[in-house]
Each structure stands twice: as structure tokens, then as C-alpha cells.
Amino acid sequence: MFQAVRTKLPRVLAVCAAACLLMQAPAVASPDASLRQKRQQTDRRLDATRADLADTRRQRQDTRSTLQRIDARQTRLADELAALMADLKAAEGRLREAQQALRRTRAEIEANTAELEATEQELRGRQKLLRARARASYMHGGINYAEAVLDVQTANELGTSLQYMRSLITEDRDKLEQISTLERKYEATLDRLDELESAQDEAREQRAVERDRVAGLVATKRDVEAQLAEQQRQHQALLAELDSDADRYRAAIDDLESESQRLRRRLAALANTGGGGSSSAAPPTRRSSGFQWPVSGSITSSFGYRTHPVLGYQRLHAGTDFGAPAGAPIVAADGGVVVTAGWLGGYGNTVVISHGGGIATLYGHQSRLAVGVGARVRRGQVIGYVGSTGMSTGPHLHFEVRVNGGPVDPVRYL
């Protein structure tokens, strides 16, 4: 698409230039008729150029819309990535909190474990005394506290004995309660540790998921951004070409409008001075003997409207194409004077011969020429060789017949 847009304007202008050159061939029609025909051709080129400018403007608008969509997609990708990065940051924060809580709980367990071990060691000593007293009570039928009290000799011994027994009983009960409390605290701490370890594992998994999501999006974003950047570069280049084409189209329109106005003034002047009368010379007609075929080959594309093989749109094919190999000789269809011999825009290397009576023939896309401007050629004389120069898809001869500058079907004259 970019290539077609870039080459479309020069080719249209080249065709217009060719038409202008052909219109310079000698004619015997009245000045009024010739000017009217030139003005009509100028107006047609003006309309075609205006249509091309409108098409360029539409393409420019489409390109700008595409660039806007690319910018919007890049913005969405950036927003999605920012949201995922925020999720990842939150997941890492939760993981840090879980790890800190786990460290605190483990420290608490270590402290409680040490305290529990010390208490249990002391408890085992107490339990030995309790078991010893229990065995003595069992073997001797139990402890008779009344006899124990009666065995004392003095009041001080009695008080000491009673105090000692109460102390033993209270201390043993306190130790049992302390051990029971520590055991419950220890079990609760272990349960808390299990919960925190589960929370830490869950936080690790969530962080891994978030990291995978972010990594995937970053990779996708990098690939998509590269594609979007290339599309953006191409569309910006196309936009610059369209802007340049639009400027050239506007300049061409200005020139064509000026030419149309000039022809209109000349027509008006001729009408006012009476110079528009018809000429006594007869209009050009098909020659009775007919033109000679310009090349040895068959017709591959006829005169008329068709889809152009290079430009890709409907336009008038102003001549007849003959299939022939590259380098095959091209001959003059009839005698006359060479008025053009050289490069002619989309026609490539071209020869134009004026045969008099307003009739001219054109031989386009030649590989090389065998005549120059001003040469008088005879019917059947070699004037060049088949090629594929200019706007051509392969070796062939493009042959035109023009009457007073306007193209006609060449088959009528062969």
C-alpha cells in the first residue's frame, strides 16, 4: 500500500504530461475545436487530481486513526502492568509480615520450651518425693498425721512439722498447676506455629503467581510494544508521504485550474473575434490503407477501461498492448516525423510519430530507441526495441493512436 501511494501521483502526472505532448502534434482542425478539446482534457485531469487529493485525505485520516489506536493500546498495556506491579508489591508485603510473625512465634516457642524443660525437671524431682510418700503410705497403711504430731517433743517442733507438711502439699500443687499451664501454652504455641507456616506457604505461592503474571505481561508487553513501535514508524512514514502527496496534488490542481482558466479565456477571445469558424480541412479519418502492425506479436490487452496492473484501480487503457519478447524490433506504423524520443513518465522509453492530419502514434516501454526527435521515418522502419521500462509489468509494446491529442482505439487503424 505504501509503495502504491508513493508512486501514484508521479505516474498520474506523467500520463498527463504525455497527453500534453501528444496534443502538440500537428493538427488541421479549427483553433476553436482544438482549444475546446484541450480544455476538456484539462478539466478531466483536474477532476481526477481532485479525486486523488480526496483519496489521499481519507487515507491520511485513516492513518491518524490507526496511530491513535496504537497510542491507546500502549496506554492500556502500561496501566495493566502498573496494576500487576502493585499486586506483586502487596503480595511481597504480606509474605514479609508472615515471615516476621513466624520468626516471633519460633522465638516464643524456644523460650517456652526452655522454661517448660526446667519446670519439668523440677517436677520430676517433686514427683519422686510424692511417689516415695505414696509408697510409704501404701506400705505402712497411710500417714497418720495425728501420730506424727504427737511424736514431736516440743511446741516448736510441732509448728515446724506442720508448716513443713503444708509447704510440701502447696508446693507440689503449685508445680502441677504450673506444668499444666505451660503444657497448654506450649500446645497453643505449636498450633500457632502451624498456622503461621501455612500462611507463609500461602504467601509464597501467591507471590510466585504474581511474579509469573508480571513476568508474562512484561514479556508480552515487550513484544507488543515492539510491534506497535514498528507499526507506528510505518504509519508515520506513510503519513509524511501522504502529506507530501497532498501538497503535490494541491500544486497540480492549482496548475490545472490555471490552465483551464487560460483555455477558457482563449476560447472566449476566439468567439469574440470570430476566429472559431471551422477549417476547410477535412477532419482526420481512418487511413484507407491502414497502419502496419508495429511489432511481431499478438494483442494481449485492448483499448478501453480496465484495472491497471500496477496502480490497481479502474482507468482508461489508452492503447493496445502487443506481447513480444524483450529486444524484438519495433517499426513505424506509417511514415512521419518523430516528435518525441526519450523517457516519458509511466510510458518509459517512448517514441511519438506525427503522421499529419492530426494523427500521431505512440510506442511505449521500449528497452532502447533507434531514432531521435526530428527524424523522418518511413513505414516499417525500425524505431526501437521491445522492453519493460516505465510503469510496466513485463516486456511488451504499448501502442497508441491519437487524433488531435485524444486517444482512439488503435485496432480501427491497423
Protein backbone atom coordinates (compact mmCIF):
# COMPACT_ATOMS: atom_id res chain seq x y z
CA MET A 1 0.00 0.00 0.00
CA PHE A 2 2.84 2.40 0.88
CA GLN A 3 4.54 1.90 -2.49
CA ALA A 4 1.31 2.44 -4.44
CA VAL A 5 0.61 5.66 -2.56
CA ARG A 6 4.14 6.93 -3.10
CA THR A 7 4.17 6.28 -6.85
CA LYS A 8 0.58 7.16 -7.69
CA LEU A 9 0.98 10.93 -8.12
CA PRO A 10 4.14 10.93 -10.29
CA ARG A 11 2.56 8.36 -12.60
CA VAL A 12 -0.67 10.33 -12.94
CA LEU A 13 1.29 13.48 -13.70
CA ALA A 14 3.50 11.56 -16.17
CA VAL A 15 0.41 10.39 -18.04
CA CYS A 16 -0.87 13.96 -18.07
CA ALA A 17 2.49 15.14 -19.42
CA ALA A 18 2.36 12.50 -22.16
CA ALA A 19 -1.11 13.64 -23.13
CA CYS A 20 0.09 17.24 -23.30
CA LEU A 21 3.00 16.24 -25.55
CA LEU A 22 0.72 14.29 -27.84
CA MET A 23 -1.61 17.25 -28.11
CA GLN A 24 1.27 19.19 -29.59
CA ALA A 25 1.18 17.00 -32.73
CA PRO A 26 0.26 18.90 -35.92
CA ALA A 27 -3.48 19.27 -36.44
CA VAL A 28 -5.65 20.81 -39.15
CA ALA A 29 -8.81 21.15 -37.04
CA SER A 30 -10.08 24.64 -36.22
CA PRO A 31 -8.42 26.53 -33.33
CA ASP A 32 -11.76 26.65 -31.56
CA ALA A 33 -12.22 22.85 -31.68
CA SER A 34 -8.62 22.23 -30.62
CA LEU A 35 -8.89 24.61 -27.66
CA ARG A 36 -12.20 23.10 -26.57
CA GLN A 37 -10.70 19.63 -26.67
CA LYS A 38 -7.63 20.74 -24.71
CA ARG A 39 -9.86 22.42 -22.12
CA GLN A 40 -11.99 19.28 -21.77
CA GLN A 41 -8.87 17.17 -21.27
CA THR A 42 -7.53 19.67 -18.72
CA ASP A 43 -10.84 19.63 -16.83
CA ARG A 44 -10.84 15.82 -16.79
CA ARG A 45 -7.31 15.78 -15.39
CA LEU A 46 -8.39 18.41 -12.86
CA ASP A 47 -11.31 16.23 -11.70
CA ALA A 48 -9.06 13.16 -11.49
CA THR A 49 -6.46 15.05 -9.46
CA ARG A 50 -9.13 16.40 -7.11
CA ALA A 51 -10.38 12.83 -6.61
CA ASP A 52 -6.81 11.70 -5.87
CA LEU A 53 -6.45 14.52 -3.34
CA ALA A 54 -9.70 13.49 -1.63
CA ASP A 55 -8.50 9.87 -1.54
CA THR A 56 -5.19 10.99 -0.03
CA ARG A 57 -7.04 12.94 2.65
CA ARG A 58 -9.13 9.86 3.51
CA GLN A 59 -6.01 7.73 3.76
CA ARG A 60 -4.39 10.38 5.94
CA GLN A 61 -7.38 10.38 8.30
CA ASP A 62 -7.36 6.56 8.43
CA THR A 63 -3.64 6.61 9.23
CA ARG A 64 -4.13 9.14 12.04
CA SER A 65 -6.95 6.99 13.48
CA THR A 66 -4.66 3.95 13.40
CA LEU A 67 -1.93 5.89 15.23
CA GLN A 68 -4.45 6.92 17.88
CA ARG A 69 -5.48 3.29 18.38
CA ILE A 70 -1.82 2.30 18.73
CA ASP A 71 -1.28 5.00 21.39
CA ALA A 72 -4.39 3.86 23.28
CA ARG A 73 -3.23 0.24 23.27
CA GLN A 74 0.20 1.24 24.59
CA THR A 75 -1.50 3.17 27.40
CA ARG A 76 -3.68 0.18 28.33
CA LEU A 77 -0.64 -2.10 28.46
CA ALA A 78 1.17 0.34 30.74
CA ASP A 79 -1.88 0.55 33.08
CA GLU A 80 -2.19 -3.25 33.24
CA LEU A 81 1.48 -3.63 34.07
CA ALA A 82 1.28 -0.94 36.77
CA ALA A 83 -1.71 -2.73 38.39
CA LEU A 84 0.11 -6.07 38.39
CA MET A 85 3.24 -4.50 39.86
CA ALA A 86 1.09 -3.10 42.67
CA ASP A 87 -0.38 -6.58 43.28
CA LEU A 88 3.12 -8.05 43.38
CA LYS A 89 4.29 -5.41 45.85
CA ALA A 90 1.29 -6.16 48.10
CA ALA A 91 1.97 -9.92 47.90
CA GLU A 92 5.61 -9.41 48.86
CA GLY A 93 4.48 -7.25 51.81
CA ARG A 94 2.15 -9.99 53.04
CA LEU A 95 4.97 -12.51 52.72
CA ARG A 96 7.31 -10.33 54.81
CA GLU A 97 4.65 -9.99 57.51
CA ALA A 98 4.11 -13.76 57.58
CA GLN A 99 7.85 -14.37 57.83
CA GLN A 100 8.21 -11.87 60.70
CA ALA A 101 5.28 -13.43 62.57
CA LEU A 102 6.81 -16.87 62.06
CA ARG A 103 10.16 -15.71 63.48
CA ARG A 104 8.45 -14.20 66.53
CA THR A 105 6.48 -17.41 67.14
CA ARG A 106 9.57 -19.58 66.82
CA ALA A 107 11.41 -17.38 69.35
CA GLU A 108 8.42 -17.65 71.66
CA ILE A 109 8.40 -21.44 71.28
CA GLU A 110 12.12 -21.64 72.06
CA ALA A 111 11.65 -19.56 75.23
CA ASN A 112 8.61 -21.56 76.33
CA THR A 113 10.37 -24.81 75.56
CA ALA A 114 13.34 -23.89 77.78
CA GLU A 115 11.01 -22.83 80.59
CA LEU A 116 8.97 -25.99 80.19
CA GLU A 117 12.05 -28.20 80.30
CA ALA A 118 13.28 -26.53 83.52
CA THR A 119 9.87 -26.84 85.11
CA GLU A 120 9.53 -30.45 84.04
CA GLN A 121 12.95 -31.26 85.52
CA GLU A 122 11.96 -29.77 88.84
CA LEU A 123 8.61 -31.50 88.64
CA ARG A 124 10.24 -34.86 88.17
CA GLY A 125 12.14 -34.34 91.46
CA ARG A 126 8.91 -33.44 93.21
CA GLN A 127 7.12 -36.34 91.65
CA LYS A 128 9.78 -38.69 93.10
CA LEU A 129 9.07 -37.37 96.60
CA LEU A 130 5.35 -37.70 96.03
CA ARG A 131 5.73 -41.22 94.76
CA ALA A 132 8.00 -42.08 97.73
CA ARG A 133 5.45 -40.74 100.17
CA ALA A 134 2.72 -42.57 98.34
CA ARG A 135 4.63 -45.84 98.55
CA ALA A 136 5.34 -45.28 102.25
CA SER A 137 1.69 -44.53 102.86
CA TYR A 138 0.70 -47.66 100.97
CA MET A 139 3.24 -49.89 102.79
CA HIS A 140 2.54 -48.54 106.26
CA GLY A 141 -1.18 -48.04 105.85
CA GLY A 142 -1.03 -44.37 105.21
CA ILE A 143 0.47 -41.47 107.10
CA ASN A 144 -1.07 -40.87 110.46
CA TYR A 145 -0.75 -37.12 110.78
CA ALA A 146 -2.07 -37.30 114.33
CA GLU A 147 0.74 -39.64 115.35
CA ALA A 148 3.24 -37.52 113.54
CA VAL A 149 2.10 -34.55 115.55
CA LEU A 150 2.11 -36.50 118.83
CA ASP A 151 5.68 -37.73 118.24
CA VAL A 152 7.09 -34.22 118.48
CA GLN A 153 8.68 -33.31 121.80
CA THR A 154 8.17 -29.57 121.90
CA ALA A 155 5.78 -26.96 120.60
CA ASN A 156 8.41 -25.60 118.27
CA GLU A 157 8.92 -28.98 116.69
CA LEU A 158 5.16 -29.29 116.24
CA GLY A 159 4.89 -25.94 114.47
CA THR A 160 7.83 -26.73 112.26
CA SER A 161 6.44 -30.11 111.35
CA LEU A 162 3.01 -28.75 110.44
CA GLN A 163 4.49 -25.91 108.43
CA TYR A 164 6.74 -28.29 106.51
CA MET A 165 3.83 -30.60 105.59
CA ARG A 166 1.70 -27.67 104.42
CA SER A 167 4.59 -26.34 102.39
CA LEU A 168 5.12 -29.67 100.68
CA ILE A 169 1.48 -30.04 99.79
CA THR A 170 1.17 -26.42 98.48
CA GLU A 171 4.42 -26.53 96.55
CA ASP A 172 3.50 -29.79 94.88
CA ARG A 173 0.10 -28.44 93.87
CA ASP A 174 1.63 -25.21 92.51
CA LYS A 175 4.17 -27.10 90.46
CA LEU A 176 1.48 -29.31 88.98
CA GLU A 177 -0.61 -26.31 88.05
CA GLN A 178 2.42 -24.51 86.58
CA ILE A 179 3.34 -27.55 84.49
CA SER A 180 -0.26 -27.85 83.27
CA THR A 181 -0.31 -24.16 82.30
CA LEU A 182 2.99 -24.40 80.48
CA GLU A 183 1.86 -27.51 78.65
CA ARG A 184 -1.30 -25.76 77.47
CA LYS A 185 0.70 -22.71 76.39
CA TYR A 186 3.19 -24.92 74.60
CA GLU A 187 0.44 -26.74 72.67
CA ALA A 188 -1.21 -23.44 71.74
CA THR A 189 2.12 -22.08 70.52
CA LEU A 190 2.67 -25.17 68.39
CA ASP A 191 -0.79 -24.72 66.87
CA ARG A 192 0.01 -21.07 66.18
CA LEU A 193 3.26 -22.10 64.56
CA ASP A 194 1.40 -24.46 62.21
CA GLU A 195 -0.98 -21.65 61.25
CA LEU A 196 1.86 -19.24 60.56
CA GLU A 197 3.76 -21.80 58.50
CA SER A 198 0.62 -22.39 56.42
CA ALA A 199 0.18 -18.62 55.99
CA GLN A 200 3.81 -18.31 54.93
CA ASP A 201 3.43 -21.11 52.37
CA GLU A 202 0.30 -19.45 51.01
CA ALA A 203 2.07 -16.09 50.82
CA ARG A 204 4.97 -17.72 48.95
CA GLU A 205 2.57 -19.31 46.45
CA GLN A 206 0.71 -16.04 45.94
CA ARG A 207 3.96 -14.15 45.40
CA ALA A 208 5.09 -16.78 42.87
CA VAL A 209 1.77 -16.47 41.00
CA GLU A 210 2.02 -12.68 40.95
CA ARG A 211 5.62 -12.83 39.74
CA ASP A 212 4.66 -15.22 36.95
CA ARG A 213 1.80 -12.95 35.92
CA VAL A 214 4.05 -9.88 35.91
CA ALA A 215 6.83 -11.71 34.05
CA GLY A 216 4.33 -12.91 31.43
CA LEU A 217 2.87 -9.46 30.96
CA VAL A 218 6.30 -7.85 30.80
CA ALA A 219 7.32 -10.28 28.04
CA THR A 220 4.03 -9.76 26.18
CA LYS A 221 4.28 -6.01 26.65
CA ARG A 222 7.81 -6.00 25.26
CA ASP A 223 6.76 -7.96 22.14
CA VAL A 224 3.59 -5.93 21.59
CA GLU A 225 5.42 -2.65 22.11
CA ALA A 226 7.99 -3.68 19.51
CA GLN A 227 5.21 -4.50 17.04
CA LEU A 228 3.35 -1.29 17.85
CA ALA A 229 6.54 0.75 17.51
CA GLU A 230 7.15 -0.71 14.04
CA GLN A 231 3.53 -0.10 13.03
CA GLN A 232 3.80 3.42 14.38
CA ARG A 233 7.00 4.02 12.42
CA GLN A 234 5.40 2.74 9.21
CA HIS A 235 2.23 4.76 9.66
CA GLN A 236 4.15 7.91 10.50
CA ALA A 237 6.24 7.41 7.36
CA LEU A 238 3.04 6.86 5.38
CA LEU A 239 1.53 9.97 6.95
CA ALA A 240 4.55 12.01 5.85
CA GLU A 241 4.23 10.60 2.30
CA LEU A 242 0.51 11.36 2.24
CA ASP A 243 1.17 14.92 3.40
CA SER A 244 3.77 15.31 0.66
CA ASP A 245 1.42 13.80 -1.94
CA ALA A 246 -1.38 16.08 -0.81
CA ASP A 247 0.90 19.10 -1.29
CA ARG A 248 1.81 17.94 -4.80
CA TYR A 249 -1.85 17.26 -5.63
CA ARG A 250 -2.80 20.75 -4.49
CA ALA A 251 0.01 22.23 -6.59
CA ALA A 252 -1.14 20.18 -9.60
CA ILE A 253 -4.73 21.32 -9.05
CA ASP A 254 -3.58 24.95 -8.98
CA ASP A 255 -1.68 24.46 -12.25
CA LEU A 256 -4.58 22.65 -13.93
CA GLU A 257 -7.07 25.25 -12.77
CA SER A 258 -4.82 27.97 -14.19
CA GLU A 259 -4.56 26.07 -17.48
CA SER A 260 -8.34 25.62 -17.59
CA GLN A 261 -8.88 29.34 -17.00
CA ARG A 262 -6.32 30.22 -19.68
CA LEU A 263 -8.06 27.96 -22.22
CA ARG A 264 -11.44 29.41 -21.27
CA ARG A 265 -10.15 32.92 -21.91
CA ARG A 266 -8.67 31.91 -25.25
CA LEU A 267 -11.97 30.30 -26.29
CA ALA A 268 -13.83 33.42 -25.28
CA ALA A 269 -11.39 35.58 -27.25
CA LEU A 270 -11.79 33.38 -30.35
CA ALA A 271 -15.57 33.57 -30.07
CA ASN A 272 -15.47 37.37 -29.78
CA THR A 273 -13.13 37.78 -32.77
CA GLY A 274 -14.89 35.23 -34.97
CA GLY A 275 -11.78 33.03 -35.08
CA GLY A 276 -13.70 29.94 -34.06
CA GLY A 277 -15.00 29.14 -37.51
CA SER A 278 -14.47 25.67 -38.83
CA SER A 279 -11.48 24.94 -41.02
CA SER A 280 -11.89 23.96 -44.59
CA ALA A 281 -9.61 20.97 -43.99
CA ALA A 282 -11.39 17.68 -43.50
CA PRO A 283 -11.12 16.03 -40.05
CA PRO A 284 -8.67 13.15 -39.74
CA THR A 285 -10.10 9.78 -40.59
CA ARG A 286 -9.02 6.14 -40.69
CA ARG A 287 -6.48 5.65 -43.45
CA SER A 288 -7.72 3.56 -46.31
CA SER A 289 -4.52 1.53 -46.44
CA GLY A 290 -4.36 1.05 -42.64
CA PHE A 291 -1.33 1.18 -40.33
CA GLN A 292 1.28 -1.57 -40.32
CA TRP A 293 1.46 -3.70 -37.15
CA PRO A 294 4.27 -2.13 -35.11
CA VAL A 295 5.69 -5.40 -33.79
CA SER A 296 5.52 -9.12 -34.46
CA GLY A 297 3.21 -10.41 -31.73
CA SER A 298 -0.38 -10.86 -30.65
CA ILE A 299 -2.64 -8.40 -28.83
CA THR A 300 -2.55 -9.02 -25.05
CA SER A 301 -4.59 -6.05 -23.82
CA SER A 302 -7.05 -3.96 -25.80
CA PHE A 303 -8.09 -0.31 -25.75
CA GLY A 304 -10.67 0.66 -23.09
CA TYR A 305 -11.25 0.85 -19.34
CA ARG A 306 -9.58 -1.80 -17.19
CA THR A 307 -8.00 -2.34 -13.77
CA HIS A 308 -4.46 -1.06 -14.06
CA PRO A 309 -1.96 -3.91 -13.36
CA VAL A 310 0.34 -1.63 -11.32
CA LEU A 311 -1.91 1.08 -9.82
CA GLY A 312 -4.70 -1.36 -9.04
CA TYR A 313 -7.71 0.84 -9.90
CA GLN A 314 -10.01 1.33 -12.91
CA ARG A 315 -8.70 3.69 -15.58
CA LEU A 316 -8.65 4.11 -19.35
CA HIS A 317 -6.12 1.94 -21.17
CA ALA A 318 -5.41 4.44 -23.94
CA GLY A 319 -3.77 1.98 -26.35
CA THR A 320 -3.25 -1.63 -27.34
CA ASP A 321 -0.58 -3.93 -25.84
CA PHE A 322 1.31 -6.38 -28.04
CA GLY A 323 3.05 -9.36 -26.48
CA ALA A 324 6.63 -9.66 -27.72
CA PRO A 325 9.98 -10.75 -26.27
CA ALA A 326 12.45 -8.21 -24.93
CA GLY A 327 14.65 -6.85 -27.69
CA ALA A 328 12.19 -7.55 -30.52
CA PRO A 329 12.30 -4.75 -33.16
CA ILE A 330 9.55 -2.11 -33.23
CA VAL A 331 8.68 -0.48 -36.57
CA ALA A 332 6.83 2.70 -37.53
CA ALA A 333 3.18 2.02 -38.31
CA ASP A 334 3.41 4.63 -41.09
CA GLY A 335 5.70 7.36 -42.35
CA GLY A 336 6.02 10.63 -40.46
CA VAL A 337 8.14 12.88 -38.24
CA VAL A 338 9.42 11.87 -34.76
CA VAL A 339 8.16 14.49 -32.28
CA THR A 340 9.14 12.66 -29.06
CA ALA A 341 12.02 10.25 -28.46
CA GLY A 342 13.04 9.60 -24.84
CA TRP A 343 11.74 8.97 -21.36
CA LEU A 344 8.04 9.82 -20.95
CA GLY A 345 6.98 9.14 -17.37
CA GLY A 346 4.99 5.94 -16.98
CA TYR A 347 5.48 5.15 -20.68
CA GLY A 348 9.23 4.69 -20.09
CA ASN A 349 11.37 4.99 -23.23
CA THR A 350 8.88 6.26 -25.84
CA VAL A 351 8.74 7.35 -29.48
CA VAL A 352 5.87 9.54 -30.79
CA ILE A 353 5.46 9.97 -34.55
CA SER A 354 3.28 12.65 -36.19
CA HIS A 355 1.75 11.37 -39.43
CA GLY A 356 -0.02 14.61 -40.40
CA GLY A 357 -3.74 15.31 -40.47
CA GLY A 358 -3.83 15.45 -36.65
CA ILE A 359 -2.86 11.77 -36.33
CA ALA A 360 0.04 10.59 -34.15
CA THR A 361 1.20 7.17 -32.91
CA LEU A 362 2.98 6.32 -29.65
CA TYR A 363 5.31 3.38 -28.95
CA GLY A 364 5.97 2.90 -25.20
CA HIS A 365 8.07 0.81 -22.72
CA GLN A 366 11.00 0.37 -25.17
CA SER A 367 14.31 -1.05 -23.95
CA ARG A 368 16.21 1.31 -26.25
CA LEU A 369 15.41 3.74 -29.06
CA ALA A 370 16.65 3.73 -32.67
CA VAL A 371 15.54 7.24 -33.73
CA GLY A 372 15.69 10.79 -32.39
CA VAL A 373 13.43 13.85 -32.34
CA GLY A 374 13.03 15.45 -35.78
CA ALA A 375 13.87 12.30 -37.72
CA ARG A 376 11.68 11.49 -40.71
CA VAL A 377 10.81 7.79 -40.73
CA ARG A 378 9.22 5.63 -43.36
CA ARG A 379 6.57 2.99 -42.92
CA GLY A 380 8.11 -0.23 -41.50
CA GLN A 381 11.37 1.42 -40.38
CA VAL A 382 12.81 0.15 -37.06
CA ILE A 383 12.40 2.89 -34.44
CA GLY A 384 13.27 0.93 -31.23
CA TYR A 385 13.16 -2.37 -29.38
CA VAL A 386 10.68 -4.04 -27.02
CA GLY A 387 11.36 -3.61 -23.30
CA SER A 388 9.68 -3.10 -19.92
CA THR A 389 10.63 0.44 -18.93
CA GLY A 390 8.35 2.84 -17.08
CA MET A 391 5.19 1.57 -15.41
CA SER A 392 5.25 -1.92 -16.86
CA THR A 393 4.84 -5.46 -15.51
CA GLY A 394 6.87 -7.18 -18.25
CA PRO A 395 8.26 -6.87 -21.80
CA HIS A 396 5.62 -5.69 -24.29
CA LEU A 397 4.83 -2.83 -26.67
CA HIS A 398 2.21 -0.27 -25.66
CA PHE A 399 0.89 1.23 -28.93
CA GLU A 400 -1.42 4.26 -29.12
CA VAL A 401 -3.13 6.16 -31.90
CA ARG A 402 -4.12 9.74 -31.07
CA VAL A 403 -6.29 12.09 -33.11
CA ASN A 404 -5.85 15.77 -32.27
CA GLY A 405 -4.27 14.63 -28.99
CA GLY A 406 -7.14 12.35 -27.94
CA PRO A 407 -6.65 8.55 -27.75
CA VAL A 408 -8.68 6.30 -30.09
CA ASP A 409 -8.82 2.54 -30.49
CA PRO A 410 -5.69 1.57 -32.49
CA VAL A 411 -7.42 -1.51 -33.95
CA ARG A 412 -9.52 0.86 -36.12
CA TYR A 413 -6.31 1.97 -37.85
CA LEU A 414 -4.48 -1.36 -38.24
